[in-house]
Protein backbone atom coordinates (compact mmCIF):
# COMPACT_ATOMS: atom_id res chain seq x y z
CA MET A 1 -78.87 -59.72 -16.00
CA THR A 2 -80.10 -62.58 -18.40
CA PHE A 3 -77.83 -64.80 -20.49
CA LYS A 4 -78.76 -66.24 -23.67
CA THR A 5 -79.57 -69.87 -24.05
CA GLU A 6 -78.76 -72.33 -26.83
CA ALA A 7 -82.41 -71.82 -28.05
CA ASP A 8 -82.00 -68.11 -28.05
CA SER A 9 -79.03 -68.14 -30.58
CA GLY A 10 -81.00 -70.17 -33.04
CA VAL A 11 -78.95 -73.31 -32.06
CA ALA A 12 -80.82 -76.82 -32.06
CA ASP A 13 -79.95 -79.99 -30.42
CA ARG A 14 -76.19 -79.70 -29.27
CA ASP A 15 -74.56 -82.18 -27.18
CA GLU A 16 -73.60 -80.67 -23.73
CA TRP A 17 -69.85 -80.66 -22.89
CA SER A 18 -68.14 -79.73 -19.31
CA TYR A 19 -64.73 -77.69 -19.84
CA ALA A 20 -62.01 -77.77 -17.02
CA PRO A 21 -58.73 -75.45 -17.41
CA ALA A 22 -55.83 -77.34 -18.47
CA VAL A 23 -57.47 -80.68 -18.36
CA GLY A 24 -59.97 -80.63 -21.34
CA ALA A 25 -63.64 -80.70 -22.71
CA GLY A 26 -66.15 -83.09 -23.02
CA PRO A 27 -64.65 -86.91 -23.64
CA LEU A 28 -61.27 -85.02 -25.05
CA ARG A 29 -58.40 -84.71 -22.59
CA PHE A 30 -55.30 -82.46 -23.23
CA GLY A 31 -52.51 -84.82 -24.01
CA MET A 32 -54.13 -87.48 -25.79
CA THR A 33 -52.66 -89.06 -28.74
CA VAL A 34 -54.32 -89.20 -32.29
CA ASP A 35 -55.66 -92.92 -31.24
CA GLU A 36 -57.00 -91.66 -28.14
CA VAL A 37 -58.63 -88.57 -29.57
CA VAL A 38 -60.27 -91.06 -32.31
CA GLU A 39 -61.65 -93.49 -29.57
CA ALA A 40 -62.95 -90.80 -27.41
CA ALA A 41 -64.60 -88.81 -29.91
CA GLN A 42 -66.73 -92.00 -31.28
CA VAL A 43 -69.57 -90.57 -28.77
CA LEU A 44 -70.02 -87.82 -31.60
CA GLY A 45 -69.83 -89.55 -34.76
CA GLN A 46 -67.20 -90.29 -37.62
CA THR A 47 -63.93 -88.90 -37.07
CA VAL A 48 -61.43 -87.69 -39.95
CA VAL A 49 -57.81 -87.73 -39.41
CA SER A 50 -55.32 -85.57 -41.54
CA ASP A 51 -51.80 -84.10 -41.36
CA CYS A 52 -51.35 -80.15 -40.57
CA PRO A 53 -49.55 -78.33 -42.79
CA ARG A 54 -46.03 -77.28 -40.91
CA ASP A 55 -46.19 -73.72 -41.16
CA HIS A 56 -43.70 -73.15 -38.27
CA THR A 57 -40.61 -75.39 -37.78
CA ILE A 58 -40.58 -74.73 -34.11
CA PHE A 59 -43.60 -77.03 -33.86
CA SER A 60 -43.35 -81.08 -34.01
CA PRO A 61 -45.79 -82.27 -36.47
CA THR A 62 -49.78 -81.65 -35.76
CA TRP A 63 -52.52 -83.61 -36.86
CA LYS A 64 -56.13 -82.56 -37.28
CA ILE A 65 -58.97 -84.66 -36.54
CA GLU A 66 -62.59 -83.43 -37.62
CA VAL A 67 -65.39 -85.27 -35.60
CA ARG A 68 -68.69 -84.93 -37.41
CA ARG A 69 -71.96 -85.77 -36.25
CA GLY A 70 -73.82 -88.62 -37.84
CA VAL A 71 -72.77 -89.52 -41.39
CA ALA A 72 -70.21 -87.61 -43.73
CA PRO A 73 -70.34 -85.22 -45.80
CA SER A 74 -71.63 -83.28 -42.55
CA PRO A 75 -69.65 -80.50 -41.79
CA PRO A 76 -67.19 -81.17 -38.33
CA ALA A 77 -69.00 -80.48 -34.98
CA VAL A 78 -65.39 -80.26 -33.10
CA THR A 79 -61.88 -80.08 -34.71
CA ALA A 80 -59.16 -81.54 -32.47
CA TYR A 81 -55.35 -80.80 -32.91
CA VAL A 82 -52.73 -83.12 -31.87
CA SER A 83 -49.00 -82.36 -31.68
CA GLN A 84 -46.55 -85.03 -31.86
CA ALA A 85 -44.69 -83.71 -28.63
CA VAL A 86 -47.43 -82.90 -26.48
CA GLY A 87 -50.61 -84.57 -27.51
CA LEU A 88 -53.83 -82.98 -27.92
CA PHE A 89 -53.60 -79.35 -27.16
CA CYS A 90 -56.36 -77.51 -29.04
CA ILE A 91 -60.33 -78.21 -29.41
CA ALA A 92 -62.34 -76.47 -31.40
CA ALA A 93 -66.24 -76.28 -31.23
CA ASP A 94 -68.16 -75.50 -34.46
CA ALA A 95 -70.49 -72.55 -34.06
CA VAL A 96 -73.35 -74.33 -35.79
CA HIS A 97 -72.88 -78.08 -35.09
CA GLY A 98 -70.37 -78.15 -31.85
CA PRO A 99 -71.29 -79.13 -28.34
CA GLN A 100 -72.75 -76.54 -26.23
CA VAL A 101 -69.74 -75.41 -23.48
CA GLU A 102 -70.23 -73.41 -20.79
CA HIS A 103 -67.66 -71.19 -18.64
CA GLY A 104 -69.28 -70.80 -15.40
CA ILE A 105 -72.79 -69.73 -16.45
CA ILE A 106 -72.23 -68.45 -19.93
CA SER A 107 -72.73 -70.39 -22.89
CA LEU A 108 -69.70 -70.04 -25.31
CA VAL A 109 -70.63 -72.02 -28.49
CA GLY A 110 -72.76 -70.45 -31.68
CA ARG A 111 -73.30 -67.22 -29.79
CA ASP A 112 -73.74 -63.79 -31.30
CA LEU A 113 -70.26 -62.49 -30.29
CA LEU A 114 -71.75 -58.69 -29.69
CA GLU A 115 -74.39 -60.39 -27.12
CA LEU A 116 -71.69 -62.67 -25.79
CA GLU A 117 -69.47 -59.97 -24.98
CA SER A 118 -72.27 -58.10 -23.44
CA ASP A 119 -73.03 -61.21 -21.20
CA VAL A 120 -69.51 -61.63 -20.43
CA ILE A 121 -68.82 -58.05 -19.35
CA ALA A 122 -72.21 -58.05 -17.14
CA HIS A 123 -71.01 -61.43 -15.67
CA ALA A 124 -67.47 -60.21 -14.62
CA GLU A 125 -69.39 -56.85 -12.98
CA ALA A 126 -72.02 -58.93 -11.08
CA VAL A 127 -69.42 -61.17 -9.58
CA GLU A 128 -66.40 -58.52 -9.40
CA GLY A 129 -64.17 -60.64 -11.61
CA HIS A 130 -62.62 -60.16 -15.28
CA PHE A 131 -63.00 -61.19 -18.76
CA ARG A 132 -60.42 -60.74 -21.42
CA TYR A 133 -60.38 -59.82 -25.29
CA THR A 134 -58.51 -61.62 -27.76
CA PRO A 135 -56.36 -59.49 -30.11
CA GLU A 136 -59.07 -59.48 -32.84
CA GLY A 137 -61.54 -58.08 -30.10
CA TYR A 138 -63.41 -60.68 -29.37
CA ALA A 139 -64.81 -60.89 -25.63
CA GLY A 140 -64.53 -63.91 -23.40
CA PRO A 141 -63.77 -65.20 -20.02
CA ASP A 142 -60.75 -64.86 -18.35
CA ASP A 143 -59.31 -68.28 -18.72
CA PRO A 144 -56.01 -68.38 -20.66
CA GLY A 145 -57.09 -72.07 -22.09
CA VAL A 146 -60.23 -70.50 -23.92
CA VAL A 147 -59.29 -68.46 -27.03
CA MET A 148 -62.50 -66.69 -28.50
CA ARG A 149 -62.72 -67.10 -32.38
CA GLY A 150 -65.49 -65.59 -34.75
CA GLN A 151 -67.39 -68.14 -37.35
CA LEU A 152 -69.52 -66.25 -39.51
CA VAL A 153 -73.05 -67.98 -39.74
CA GLY A 154 -75.24 -66.42 -42.38
CA GLN A 155 -74.96 -62.44 -41.83
CA VAL A 156 -73.88 -63.33 -38.23
CA LEU A 157 -70.49 -63.73 -36.50
CA ARG A 158 -71.17 -66.39 -33.95
CA SER A 159 -68.73 -67.59 -31.19
CA ARG A 160 -66.33 -70.64 -32.08
CA PRO A 161 -64.34 -71.24 -29.15
CA LEU A 162 -60.91 -72.86 -28.78
CA PHE A 163 -60.08 -75.07 -25.68
CA MET A 164 -56.10 -75.04 -25.34
CA VAL A 165 -53.15 -75.53 -23.62
CA THR A 166 -49.59 -74.49 -24.54
CA ARG A 167 -47.93 -76.54 -27.22
CA ASP A 168 -44.66 -77.36 -27.79
CA GLY A 169 -42.25 -74.20 -28.78
CA ALA A 170 -45.26 -71.62 -27.93
CA ASN A 171 -45.38 -69.14 -24.95
CA THR A 172 -48.87 -68.77 -24.81
CA GLU A 173 -52.34 -70.15 -26.25
CA TRP A 174 -52.75 -67.78 -28.56
CA ASP A 175 -49.19 -68.65 -29.99
CA SER A 176 -50.11 -72.15 -30.00
CA MET A 177 -53.29 -71.73 -32.33
CA PRO A 178 -53.38 -73.94 -35.09
CA SER A 179 -52.76 -72.20 -38.55
CA GLU A 180 -55.35 -73.15 -39.77
CA GLU A 181 -57.79 -71.79 -36.87
CA TYR A 182 -55.90 -68.63 -37.61
CA ARG A 183 -56.94 -68.44 -41.04
CA ARG A 184 -60.45 -69.26 -40.23
CA GLY A 185 -60.96 -66.29 -38.50
CA GLN A 186 -59.59 -63.93 -40.90
CA PRO A 187 -62.28 -61.63 -42.83
CA THR A 188 -62.94 -62.62 -46.34
CA THR A 189 -62.62 -60.23 -49.05
């Protein structure tokens, strides 16, 4: 069984982050405040903080923190979402510029989604484990804190994982997904 490396997926020069369920990814820990996220994210580069539209009144006010490697106007490598009620609840790794994050032995960021699906299935079979599909049909690890998303890069749909915990007023991580991330994964016409 062969698992793709970042070199195989055409991704170069990525930071490597660890992920711990219900704890966080890289230097970001779930529950952090906006100021704590900005301070922790300085290891990557510049941050830009903005308000998120309040699409659902059940959620407390939310901020989006875009972390850019190097100098702006580079695209965000990581986007963090912080709720007034629960703090940091979502970390999105950009498919092209984001850090590489592994779940077990499988690289999750920037992968061709069809190849990632094959690797996730093969790994689950090898360890007699499980995997899960999102409601949109993207395969990923059997971990409720990882929501796989698609990001179109050229002609290839690549993986853009969201590392999450449930936020105020939501029942699951899928319900907690920021509306901006939900819209990002929608096909364009």
